[in-house]
Protein backbone atom coordinates (compact mmCIF):
# COMPACT_ATOMS: atom_id res chain seq x y z
CA MET A 1 -25.70 -25.26 -8.60
CA LYS A 2 -23.61 -28.03 -9.41
CA ASN A 3 -25.45 -31.11 -10.00
CA ILE A 4 -24.41 -34.48 -10.76
CA GLU A 5 -26.98 -37.08 -12.00
CA ILE A 6 -25.57 -41.01 -10.92
CA LYS A 7 -25.99 -43.37 -13.70
CA GLU A 8 -25.51 -46.73 -12.06
CA LEU A 9 -25.68 -49.08 -15.14
CA GLY A 10 -24.83 -52.59 -13.84
CA THR A 11 -22.95 -54.65 -16.35
CA ILE A 12 -22.25 -53.30 -19.37
CA ASP A 13 -19.38 -53.94 -22.15
CA TYR A 14 -16.48 -51.76 -22.12
CA GLU A 15 -16.99 -50.31 -25.48
CA GLU A 16 -20.86 -49.39 -24.80
CA ALA A 17 -19.65 -47.63 -21.56
CA TRP A 18 -16.75 -45.71 -23.62
CA ASN A 19 -19.08 -44.63 -26.27
CA LEU A 20 -21.61 -42.76 -23.43
CA GLN A 21 -18.61 -41.09 -22.01
CA LYS A 22 -17.44 -39.73 -25.57
CA LYS A 23 -21.24 -38.80 -25.92
CA LEU A 24 -21.66 -36.97 -22.49
CA LEU A 25 -18.65 -35.69 -22.73
CA ASN A 26 -18.85 -34.01 -26.18
CA ASN A 27 -22.44 -33.06 -24.64
CA LEU A 28 -20.54 -30.97 -21.73
CA VAL A 29 -18.29 -29.83 -23.97
CA GLU A 30 -20.49 -28.17 -26.61
CA ALA A 31 -22.71 -26.94 -24.22
CA LYS A 32 -19.63 -24.69 -22.03
CA ARG A 33 -18.67 -23.85 -26.21
CA VAL A 34 -22.09 -21.96 -26.16
CA GLY A 35 -22.26 -20.58 -22.54
CA VAL A 36 -25.10 -22.99 -21.21
CA GLU A 37 -25.19 -25.19 -18.44
CA GLY A 38 -24.61 -28.86 -19.67
CA GLU A 39 -25.87 -32.21 -17.69
CA MET A 40 -23.25 -33.58 -15.11
CA ASN A 41 -22.66 -37.31 -14.45
CA LEU A 42 -20.64 -40.32 -12.59
CA LEU A 43 -21.07 -43.24 -14.43
CA LEU A 44 -21.22 -46.17 -11.73
CA LEU A 45 -20.47 -49.63 -12.95
CA GLU A 46 -18.74 -53.22 -13.84
CA HIS A 47 -17.42 -54.63 -16.73
CA PRO A 48 -16.64 -57.68 -18.45
CA HIS A 49 -13.21 -58.93 -18.46
CA VAL A 50 -11.37 -56.61 -20.65
CA TYR A 51 -7.74 -54.83 -20.97
CA THR A 52 -6.72 -50.94 -21.75
CA LEU A 53 -4.12 -49.17 -22.61
CA GLY A 54 -3.34 -45.49 -22.07
CA MET A 55 -2.48 -43.46 -24.86
CA ASN A 56 1.22 -43.47 -23.38
CA GLY A 57 1.15 -46.44 -22.24
CA ASP A 58 3.61 -49.28 -22.32
CA LYS A 59 3.17 -52.35 -24.78
CA ALA A 60 5.82 -54.40 -23.22
CA ASN A 61 3.32 -53.85 -20.15
CA MET A 62 1.26 -56.53 -22.05
CA LEU A 63 1.78 -60.32 -21.57
CA PHE A 64 -0.73 -61.12 -23.54
CA ASN A 65 -1.71 -62.06 -26.84
CA ASP A 66 -4.85 -62.73 -28.85
CA GLU A 67 -5.12 -66.66 -28.50
CA LEU A 68 -4.93 -65.66 -24.87
CA LEU A 69 -7.03 -62.94 -24.50
CA GLU A 70 -9.52 -65.33 -26.40
CA ARG A 71 -8.57 -68.25 -24.20
CA ILE A 72 -9.36 -66.30 -20.57
CA GLY A 73 -12.50 -64.59 -22.55
CA ALA A 74 -11.17 -60.93 -22.17
CA LYS A 75 -11.19 -57.67 -24.67
CA PHE A 76 -8.28 -55.18 -25.06
CA TYR A 77 -8.34 -51.24 -25.84
CA LYS A 78 -6.38 -49.16 -26.38
CA ILE A 79 -7.77 -45.58 -25.31
CA GLU A 80 -7.08 -42.30 -24.87
CA ARG A 81 -6.65 -41.56 -20.70
CA GLY A 82 -3.60 -41.14 -19.08
CA GLY A 83 -1.66 -43.96 -17.13
CA ASP A 84 -0.19 -47.72 -18.14
CA ILE A 85 -2.21 -50.98 -18.92
CA THR A 86 -4.85 -52.09 -16.14
CA TYR A 87 -8.00 -54.91 -15.80
CA HIS A 88 -11.73 -54.20 -15.54
CA GLY A 89 -13.38 -57.74 -14.75
CA TYR A 90 -16.14 -58.57 -12.24
CA GLY A 91 -16.33 -57.77 -9.12
CA GLN A 92 -15.08 -54.07 -9.74
CA LEU A 93 -16.25 -50.90 -9.29
CA VAL A 94 -15.91 -48.75 -11.79
CA GLY A 95 -16.52 -45.24 -11.97
CA TYR A 96 -16.63 -42.63 -14.64
CA PRO A 97 -17.29 -39.10 -13.89
CA ILE A 98 -18.04 -37.41 -16.70
CA ILE A 99 -18.14 -33.53 -15.03
CA ASP A 100 -16.73 -29.64 -15.57
CA LEU A 101 -13.88 -28.96 -13.55
CA GLU A 102 -14.47 -25.42 -13.83
CA ARG A 103 -17.65 -25.47 -11.95
CA PHE A 104 -15.83 -26.73 -8.85
CA ASN A 105 -13.06 -24.32 -9.31
CA ILE A 106 -10.35 -26.67 -9.36
CA GLY A 107 -7.51 -28.31 -11.31
CA ILE A 108 -6.73 -31.94 -13.16
CA LYS A 109 -4.68 -32.76 -9.51
CA GLU A 110 -6.96 -31.46 -6.90
CA TYR A 111 -9.73 -33.10 -9.07
CA ILE A 112 -7.41 -36.79 -9.01
CA TRP A 113 -6.53 -35.95 -5.41
CA ARG A 114 -10.48 -36.14 -4.21
CA LEU A 115 -10.94 -39.14 -6.64
CA GLU A 116 -8.65 -40.83 -4.69
CA GLU A 117 -9.79 -39.22 -1.39
CA ALA A 118 -13.64 -40.68 -1.53
CA VAL A 119 -12.12 -44.23 -2.33
CA ILE A 120 -9.84 -44.18 0.63
CA ARG A 121 -13.29 -42.81 2.69
CA THR A 122 -15.12 -45.78 0.69
CA ILE A 123 -12.79 -48.83 2.22
CA ALA A 124 -12.33 -47.24 5.75
CA HIS A 125 -15.49 -48.99 5.90
CA TYR A 126 -14.23 -51.93 5.60
CA GLY A 127 -11.08 -51.70 8.18
CA ILE A 128 -8.79 -50.96 5.11
CA SER A 129 -6.34 -48.25 5.77
CA GLY A 130 -5.52 -46.73 2.24
CA SER A 131 -2.86 -44.31 1.63
CA ARG A 132 -1.18 -42.34 -2.10
CA SER A 133 2.13 -43.33 -3.23
CA GLU A 134 4.69 -40.59 -4.64
CA GLY A 135 4.61 -39.91 -8.01
CA THR A 136 1.82 -41.88 -8.83
CA VAL A 137 -2.14 -42.35 -8.68
CA GLY A 138 -4.34 -44.55 -7.57
CA VAL A 139 -4.95 -46.02 -3.93
CA TRP A 140 -2.53 -48.38 -2.55
CA ILE A 141 -2.39 -50.27 0.79
CA ASP A 142 0.85 -49.79 2.60
CA SER A 143 2.49 -47.93 0.26
CA GLU A 144 5.37 -47.04 2.00
CA THR A 145 6.37 -50.29 3.29
CA SER A 146 8.20 -53.68 1.22
CA GLU A 147 4.60 -54.64 -0.02
CA PRO A 148 2.78 -51.74 -1.28
CA ARG A 149 -0.62 -53.32 -3.54
CA LYS A 150 -2.94 -51.15 -5.23
CA ILE A 151 -6.76 -51.78 -4.21
CA CYS A 152 -7.35 -48.71 -7.19
CA ALA A 153 -6.21 -47.92 -9.75
CA ILE A 154 -6.86 -43.84 -11.31
CA GLY A 155 -6.72 -42.76 -15.07
CA VAL A 156 -8.07 -39.76 -16.70
CA LYS A 157 -8.29 -37.73 -19.69
CA VAL A 158 -9.57 -34.29 -19.66
CA SER A 159 -11.18 -31.64 -22.55
CA ARG A 160 -11.87 -28.19 -21.86
CA PHE A 161 -11.68 -28.93 -18.36
CA VAL A 162 -14.42 -31.66 -18.57
CA THR A 163 -13.20 -35.15 -17.28
CA MET A 164 -14.27 -38.61 -18.15
CA HIS A 165 -12.86 -42.05 -17.60
CA GLY A 166 -11.75 -42.40 -13.78
CA PHE A 167 -11.44 -45.47 -10.99
CA ALA A 168 -11.70 -49.25 -10.68
CA LEU A 169 -11.64 -50.46 -7.28
CA ASN A 170 -11.10 -53.88 -6.57
CA VAL A 171 -13.95 -54.98 -4.31
CA THR A 172 -14.27 -58.73 -5.18
CA THR A 173 -12.16 -59.20 -8.30
CA ASP A 174 -10.40 -62.05 -9.76
CA LEU A 175 -6.59 -61.13 -9.05
CA ASN A 176 -5.56 -64.03 -11.30
CA TYR A 177 -5.87 -61.58 -13.86
CA TYR A 178 -3.69 -59.34 -13.70
CA ARG A 179 -1.06 -61.94 -14.07
CA HIS A 180 -0.94 -61.11 -17.37
CA ILE A 181 -0.78 -57.66 -17.16
CA ASN A 182 2.38 -55.48 -15.06
CA PRO A 183 -0.50 -53.22 -13.85
CA CYS A 184 -0.61 -49.39 -14.22
CA GLY A 185 3.25 -50.34 -15.35
CA PHE A 186 4.27 -51.59 -12.14
CA THR A 187 6.91 -54.69 -11.82
CA ASP A 188 7.64 -54.48 -8.01
CA ARG A 189 3.72 -53.53 -6.70
CA GLY A 190 1.12 -55.93 -5.97
CA VAL A 191 -2.48 -55.79 -6.51
CA THR A 192 -5.24 -56.09 -3.59
CA SER A 193 -8.94 -56.06 -2.95
CA ILE A 194 -11.73 -55.14 -0.57
CA GLU A 195 -12.24 -58.87 -0.10
CA VAL A 196 -8.37 -59.75 0.41
CA GLU A 197 -7.56 -56.71 2.88
CA SER A 198 -11.18 -57.35 5.05
CA GLY A 199 -12.12 -60.83 4.49
CA GLN A 200 -15.62 -59.78 3.44
CA LYS A 201 -17.29 -59.89 0.18
CA PRO A 202 -20.01 -56.66 -0.22
CA THR A 203 -21.74 -56.34 -3.23
CA LEU A 204 -20.94 -54.25 -5.65
CA SER A 205 -24.45 -51.93 -5.11
CA GLU A 206 -23.22 -51.52 -1.22
CA VAL A 207 -20.20 -50.37 -1.95
CA SER A 208 -21.16 -48.18 -4.58
CA ALA A 209 -24.11 -46.58 -2.54
CA ILE A 210 -20.96 -45.53 0.36
CA PHE A 211 -18.80 -44.50 -2.62
CA LYS A 212 -21.70 -42.54 -3.79
CA GLY A 213 -22.13 -40.28 0.17
CA HIS A 214 -17.98 -39.53 0.18
CA PHE A 215 -17.96 -38.20 -3.63
CA ALA A 216 -20.94 -36.24 -2.86
CA GLU A 217 -19.07 -34.66 -0.07
CA LEU A 218 -16.11 -34.26 -2.28
CA PHE A 219 -18.11 -33.06 -5.35
CA PRO A 220 -20.91 -31.30 -3.00
CA ASN A 221 -23.94 -30.06 -5.26
CA THR A 222 -23.83 -25.98 -3.92
């Protein structure tokens, strides 16, 4: 069995969720080390305003200073995931799978493809056609046009084939917060949300329920 426990945490401070991820990852890695099946988890949540920079991210893509962070009520963390600078905030569905890829017999590229696919299927419920963009990770709208827009960022860390960090899907996110960064390092691409693309304002719980169904399709329990 490959059961994944889903924990819906509501609105939670970034550092608190980060510490929880590390605890769950360490527990799962230790269980693997001693040859037992540890608990796998999918954390679904929302963060207050925060910017995070991946371990190989370029600080030049941070267009803010401490004074601006205080003025806009945001925090900043440099973290151990891949990818560059990104934003998390209210109206954004964030998902952190802490799972053992070896139980699914997949590698990192396939794992990211499945995360992207779960999001693509989710936004299709709102009449939005999402796609991938060659050379990047995440989900885009009109990726091969002159106006590509990212609707979902993905950045992960993998230790002994156990994952942490994950995806951030803009639902009703205040996109003005992206003005203070070059999102994911891009200066020539935009960002968007389900609300902007569809004209609808679904709740995070509604989008979360849809996402969970597609995640289960792509990461089956048996």
